[in-house]
């Protein structure tokens, strides 16, 4: 192959790559189908609720394909790249951090449920029994650490600095009368680490996975009514006003789904609509 042929071939390859890229962008931004939809969720309550929505939608001729993920990052990547139409699993603070860090063009469209965070212990029966210097645990990811610290503050154990952002950490504690030692751990590992600490702030989905109930086992917890950390259904920015998004909202916010949530999760997961 001579130099001219190589140049032509290279140019053709570049043009093909550009065309494929443009095609992918077009497909990702086109109007969502009103007949079929692919939803990404995390395993557990979000998956169960999506299955109930799927059941309702099928009666009206809307086929929903549910893709289950076991991590918090992939569903947003998949949505932004176009392999999902919708995802349902995250709080607004987590979404905003992901958008800022990764440049995703995705947006929240409606609330679904809230997972009230609780303070759990295998050693105490009351948070008043905490002793000087006790070890207590919080999730180590930015979206949840400040939330956990605020829960400790609401429980009267610490005071935080003012004007904190979602990236605040234990270093932003202003007052700690008991000199509690805050241990930052992976959120999913907190239930297994309960024997090693006096108290831990655990997200409800991980608490439920360990057989813990917010109403029966938490020593203190966030509000279950009007919880400040609802989860959202998220779509690509270009699809926010699509007709099927409004249809999907009508299923998620239906009385059938509300009743399912209240009966299935016994207060550990609550409707946010």
Protein backbone atom coordinates (compact mmCIF):
# COMPACT_ATOMS: atom_id res chain seq x y z
CA UNK A 1 0.00 0.00 0.00
CA UNK A 2 1.51 3.38 -1.03
CA UNK A 3 1.44 6.61 1.01
CA UNK A 4 -1.52 8.04 -0.96
CA UNK A 5 -3.60 4.90 -0.33
CA UNK A 6 -2.71 4.97 3.38
CA UNK A 7 -3.73 8.63 3.61
CA UNK A 8 -7.08 7.96 1.90
CA UNK A 9 -7.72 4.96 4.18
CA UNK A 10 -6.86 6.94 7.31
CA UNK A 11 -9.14 9.77 6.22
CA UNK A 12 -11.96 7.31 5.54
CA UNK A 13 -11.53 5.76 9.01
CA UNK A 14 -11.67 9.16 10.69
CA UNK A 15 -14.82 10.10 8.76
CA UNK A 16 -16.42 6.77 9.70
CA UNK A 17 -15.60 7.30 13.36
CA UNK A 18 -17.09 10.81 13.24
CA UNK A 19 -20.22 9.46 11.53
CA UNK A 20 -20.64 6.73 14.15
CA UNK A 21 -20.16 9.25 16.94
CA UNK A 22 -22.73 11.58 15.43
CA UNK A 23 -25.12 8.68 14.98
CA UNK A 24 -24.78 7.71 18.63
CA UNK A 25 -25.41 11.29 19.74
CA UNK A 26 -28.49 11.50 17.54
CA UNK A 27 -29.90 8.24 18.85
CA UNK A 28 -29.25 9.30 22.44
CA UNK A 29 -31.11 12.58 22.02
CA UNK A 30 -34.09 11.53 19.88
CA UNK A 31 -37.58 11.44 21.38
CA UNK A 32 -38.17 8.43 23.61
CA UNK A 33 -40.61 5.79 22.39
CA UNK A 34 -44.10 5.68 23.89
CA UNK A 35 -44.19 1.91 23.31
CA UNK A 36 -40.99 0.68 24.93
CA UNK A 37 -38.61 2.02 27.53
CA UNK A 38 -35.42 0.82 29.19
CA UNK A 39 -35.03 1.75 32.85
CA UNK A 40 -31.86 1.34 34.92
CA UNK A 41 -32.18 0.74 38.66
CA UNK A 42 -30.12 -0.52 41.55
CA UNK A 43 -31.07 -3.88 43.05
CA UNK A 44 -33.50 -3.93 45.95
CA UNK A 45 -36.35 -1.46 46.53
CA UNK A 46 -35.80 0.53 43.33
CA UNK A 47 -35.91 -2.71 41.36
CA UNK A 48 -39.06 -3.87 43.15
CA UNK A 49 -40.83 -0.54 42.59
CA UNK A 50 -39.82 -0.55 38.92
CA UNK A 51 -41.32 -4.03 38.58
CA UNK A 52 -44.63 -2.72 39.94
CA UNK A 53 -44.47 0.19 37.47
CA UNK A 54 -43.65 -2.29 34.71
CA UNK A 55 -46.77 -4.28 35.61
CA UNK A 56 -49.01 -1.19 35.40
CA UNK A 57 -47.44 0.06 32.18
CA UNK A 58 -47.82 -3.29 30.42
CA UNK A 59 -51.60 -3.08 30.79
CA UNK A 60 -51.50 0.13 28.75
CA UNK A 61 -49.20 -1.24 26.04
CA UNK A 62 -45.94 0.28 27.31
CA UNK A 63 -43.21 -2.35 27.57
CA UNK A 64 -40.56 -1.56 30.18
CA UNK A 65 -37.22 -3.36 30.18
CA UNK A 66 -35.53 -3.17 33.59
CA UNK A 67 -31.73 -3.24 33.82
CA UNK A 68 -30.38 -3.87 37.33
CA UNK A 69 -27.02 -2.42 38.47
CA UNK A 70 -25.00 -3.16 41.60
CA UNK A 71 -23.17 0.16 41.79
CA UNK A 72 -24.06 3.86 41.84
CA UNK A 73 -21.90 5.10 38.95
CA UNK A 74 -22.71 2.91 35.95
CA UNK A 75 -26.43 3.80 35.64
CA UNK A 76 -25.62 7.47 34.97
CA UNK A 77 -22.89 6.58 32.49
CA UNK A 78 -25.28 4.23 30.68
CA UNK A 79 -28.01 6.87 30.59
CA UNK A 80 -25.72 9.61 29.31
CA UNK A 81 -24.32 7.32 26.60
CA UNK A 82 -27.78 6.20 25.47
CA UNK A 83 -27.96 2.53 26.48
CA UNK A 84 -30.68 3.45 29.02
CA UNK A 85 -33.68 5.73 28.49
CA UNK A 86 -34.27 6.42 32.16
CA UNK A 87 -32.74 5.60 35.52
CA UNK A 88 -34.22 5.58 39.01
CA UNK A 89 -31.94 5.26 42.03
CA UNK A 90 -30.34 8.52 43.15
CA UNK A 91 -30.73 11.63 45.27
CA UNK A 92 -30.42 15.09 43.78
CA UNK A 93 -27.15 15.81 45.58
CA UNK A 94 -25.57 12.66 44.13
CA UNK A 95 -26.85 13.54 40.64
CA UNK A 96 -25.48 17.08 40.80
CA UNK A 97 -22.07 15.87 41.93
CA UNK A 98 -21.94 13.36 39.07
CA UNK A 99 -22.93 16.00 36.53
CA UNK A 100 -20.30 18.41 37.84
CA UNK A 101 -17.56 15.78 37.92
CA UNK A 102 -18.33 13.98 34.65
CA UNK A 103 -20.19 16.47 32.48
CA UNK A 104 -23.28 14.30 32.02
CA UNK A 105 -26.20 15.92 30.18
CA UNK A 106 -28.90 14.33 32.32
CA UNK A 107 -31.61 15.82 34.56
CA UNK A 108 -34.09 14.84 37.25
CA UNK A 109 -37.75 14.81 36.18
CA UNK A 110 -39.76 13.67 39.21
CA UNK A 111 -39.41 12.33 42.76
CA UNK A 112 -39.99 8.70 43.63
CA UNK A 113 -39.18 7.53 47.16
CA UNK A 114 -36.97 8.45 50.10
CA UNK A 115 -34.70 6.15 52.10
CA UNK A 116 -34.44 7.74 55.57
CA UNK A 117 -30.93 7.31 56.97
CA UNK A 118 -30.64 5.93 60.49
CA UNK A 119 -28.15 5.60 63.33
CA UNK A 120 -27.67 1.94 64.25
CA UNK A 121 -25.73 0.13 66.96
CA UNK A 122 -25.06 -3.39 68.21
CA UNK A 123 -23.64 -2.07 71.49
CA UNK A 124 -26.08 0.62 72.58
CA UNK A 125 -29.80 0.81 73.20
CA UNK A 126 -29.85 4.62 73.37
CA UNK A 127 -27.56 7.25 71.83
CA UNK A 128 -27.36 8.84 75.29
CA UNK A 129 -25.18 5.88 76.27
CA UNK A 130 -22.32 7.05 74.01
CA UNK A 131 -19.07 7.54 75.92
CA UNK A 132 -16.17 9.91 75.56
CA UNK A 133 -14.00 8.93 72.59
CA UNK A 134 -16.35 6.29 71.18
CA UNK A 135 -15.86 5.33 67.54
CA UNK A 136 -18.77 6.20 65.26
CA UNK A 137 -19.05 5.63 61.52
CA UNK A 138 -20.25 7.56 58.47
CA UNK A 139 -20.31 6.78 54.72
CA UNK A 140 -17.19 8.05 52.96
CA UNK A 141 -18.75 9.19 49.66
CA UNK A 142 -19.40 12.94 49.20
CA UNK A 143 -23.14 12.60 48.60
CA UNK A 144 -23.73 10.75 51.88
CA UNK A 145 -21.06 11.86 54.36
CA UNK A 146 -22.52 15.34 54.91
CA UNK A 147 -25.98 13.80 55.15
CA UNK A 148 -24.74 11.44 57.86
CA UNK A 149 -22.97 14.23 59.74
CA UNK A 150 -26.16 16.28 59.68
CA UNK A 151 -27.97 13.31 61.19
CA UNK A 152 -25.45 13.19 64.06
CA UNK A 153 -25.96 16.93 64.46
CA UNK A 154 -29.75 16.60 64.56
CA UNK A 155 -29.32 13.90 67.21
CA UNK A 156 -27.48 16.49 69.34
CA UNK A 157 -24.06 14.82 69.21
CA UNK A 158 -22.04 17.37 67.20
CA UNK A 159 -22.25 20.84 65.65
CA UNK A 160 -21.13 21.43 62.06
CA UNK A 161 -19.53 24.50 60.53
CA UNK A 162 -21.89 26.80 58.66
CA UNK A 163 -22.15 27.06 54.87
CA UNK A 164 -21.02 23.52 54.07
CA UNK A 165 -21.10 22.03 50.56
CA UNK A 166 -21.90 18.45 49.58
CA UNK A 167 -18.19 17.67 49.71
CA UNK A 168 -17.93 18.34 53.45
CA UNK A 169 -16.24 15.70 55.64
CA UNK A 170 -15.60 15.02 59.33
CA UNK A 171 -13.03 17.82 59.22
CA UNK A 172 -15.99 20.21 59.04
CA UNK A 173 -17.21 19.36 62.54
CA UNK A 174 -17.11 22.54 64.64
CA UNK A 175 -18.02 21.08 68.03
CA UNK A 176 -17.67 17.50 69.26
CA UNK A 177 -18.36 17.49 73.03
CA UNK A 178 -17.75 13.74 73.45
CA UNK A 179 -14.67 13.76 71.22
CA UNK A 180 -16.25 11.03 69.16
CA UNK A 181 -13.86 9.40 66.70
CA UNK A 182 -15.50 9.52 63.26
CA UNK A 183 -14.58 6.62 60.99
CA UNK A 184 -15.25 7.05 57.26
CA UNK A 185 -16.19 3.80 55.54
CA UNK A 186 -17.61 2.59 52.25
CA UNK A 187 -21.40 2.92 52.60
CA UNK A 188 -22.10 -0.70 51.68
CA UNK A 189 -19.65 -1.95 54.34
CA UNK A 190 -21.20 -0.09 57.28
CA UNK A 191 -23.60 -2.88 58.37
CA UNK A 192 -20.76 -5.42 58.54
CA UNK A 193 -18.65 -2.98 60.55
CA UNK A 194 -21.30 -2.36 63.23
CA UNK A 195 -19.55 -4.66 65.77
CA UNK A 196 -16.41 -2.50 65.47
CA UNK A 197 -18.04 0.87 66.28
CA UNK A 198 -20.45 2.23 68.85
CA UNK A 199 -22.76 3.80 66.28
CA UNK A 200 -23.05 4.02 62.48
CA UNK A 201 -25.09 6.13 60.08
CA UNK A 202 -26.37 3.67 57.50
CA UNK A 203 -28.32 4.25 54.30
CA UNK A 204 -31.64 2.41 54.42
CA UNK A 205 -30.99 0.25 51.36
CA UNK A 206 -27.84 -1.18 52.98
CA UNK A 207 -29.54 -1.45 56.38
CA UNK A 208 -32.41 -3.41 54.83
CA UNK A 209 -29.92 -5.70 53.10
CA UNK A 210 -28.50 -6.52 56.54
CA UNK A 211 -31.95 -7.21 57.99
CA UNK A 212 -32.20 -3.90 59.87
CA UNK A 213 -35.44 -1.95 60.04
CA UNK A 214 -35.47 1.82 60.51
CA UNK A 215 -38.57 1.64 62.69
CA UNK A 216 -37.44 -1.27 64.85
CA UNK A 217 -33.63 -1.04 64.95
CA UNK A 218 -32.51 2.56 64.38
CA UNK A 219 -31.72 4.50 67.56
CA UNK A 220 -32.34 7.74 65.67
CA UNK A 221 -33.31 8.48 62.09
CA UNK A 222 -34.22 11.15 59.58
CA UNK A 223 -37.81 12.21 59.12
CA UNK A 224 -39.90 9.65 57.29
CA UNK A 225 -42.43 12.30 56.25
CA UNK A 226 -41.16 15.01 53.87
CA UNK A 227 -37.69 13.51 54.01
CA UNK A 228 -35.17 16.04 52.63
CA UNK A 229 -33.34 13.47 50.49
CA UNK A 230 -35.84 12.06 47.96
CA UNK A 231 -34.72 9.90 45.06
CA UNK A 232 -35.47 10.91 41.48
CA UNK A 233 -36.17 9.49 38.06
CA UNK A 234 -33.54 10.88 35.69
CA UNK A 235 -33.45 11.20 31.89
CA UNK A 236 -31.17 12.79 29.32
CA UNK A 237 -31.65 16.56 29.25
CA UNK A 238 -33.00 16.41 25.69
CA UNK A 239 -35.81 14.06 26.80
CA UNK A 240 -37.16 15.95 29.82
CA UNK A 241 -40.39 16.98 28.07
CA UNK A 242 -41.02 13.72 26.19
CA UNK A 243 -44.56 12.37 26.43
CA UNK A 244 -43.47 8.99 27.78
CA UNK A 245 -41.76 10.69 30.74
CA UNK A 246 -45.11 12.15 31.79
CA UNK A 247 -46.69 8.72 31.34
CA UNK A 248 -43.99 7.11 33.47
CA UNK A 249 -44.57 9.69 36.20
CA UNK A 250 -48.27 8.82 36.28
CA UNK A 251 -47.36 5.20 37.08
CA UNK A 252 -44.72 6.02 39.69
CA UNK A 253 -47.10 8.46 41.40
CA UNK A 254 -50.14 6.20 41.22
CA UNK A 255 -52.08 5.02 44.26
CA UNK A 256 -51.20 1.42 43.32
CA UNK A 257 -47.47 2.15 43.62
CA UNK A 258 -47.94 4.18 46.82
CA UNK A 259 -49.83 1.30 48.43
CA UNK A 260 -47.14 -1.17 47.29
CA UNK A 261 -44.36 0.93 48.84
CA UNK A 262 -46.16 1.36 52.13
CA UNK A 263 -47.04 -2.32 52.44
CA UNK A 264 -43.77 -3.78 51.17
CA UNK A 265 -41.21 -1.70 53.05
CA UNK A 266 -42.94 -0.94 56.37
CA UNK A 267 -41.59 2.63 56.64
CA UNK A 268 -37.97 1.97 55.67
CA UNK A 269 -38.75 3.29 52.17
CA UNK A 270 -41.38 6.02 51.94
CA UNK A 271 -43.22 7.70 49.04
CA UNK A 272 -41.81 11.13 48.19
CA UNK A 273 -44.81 12.25 46.15
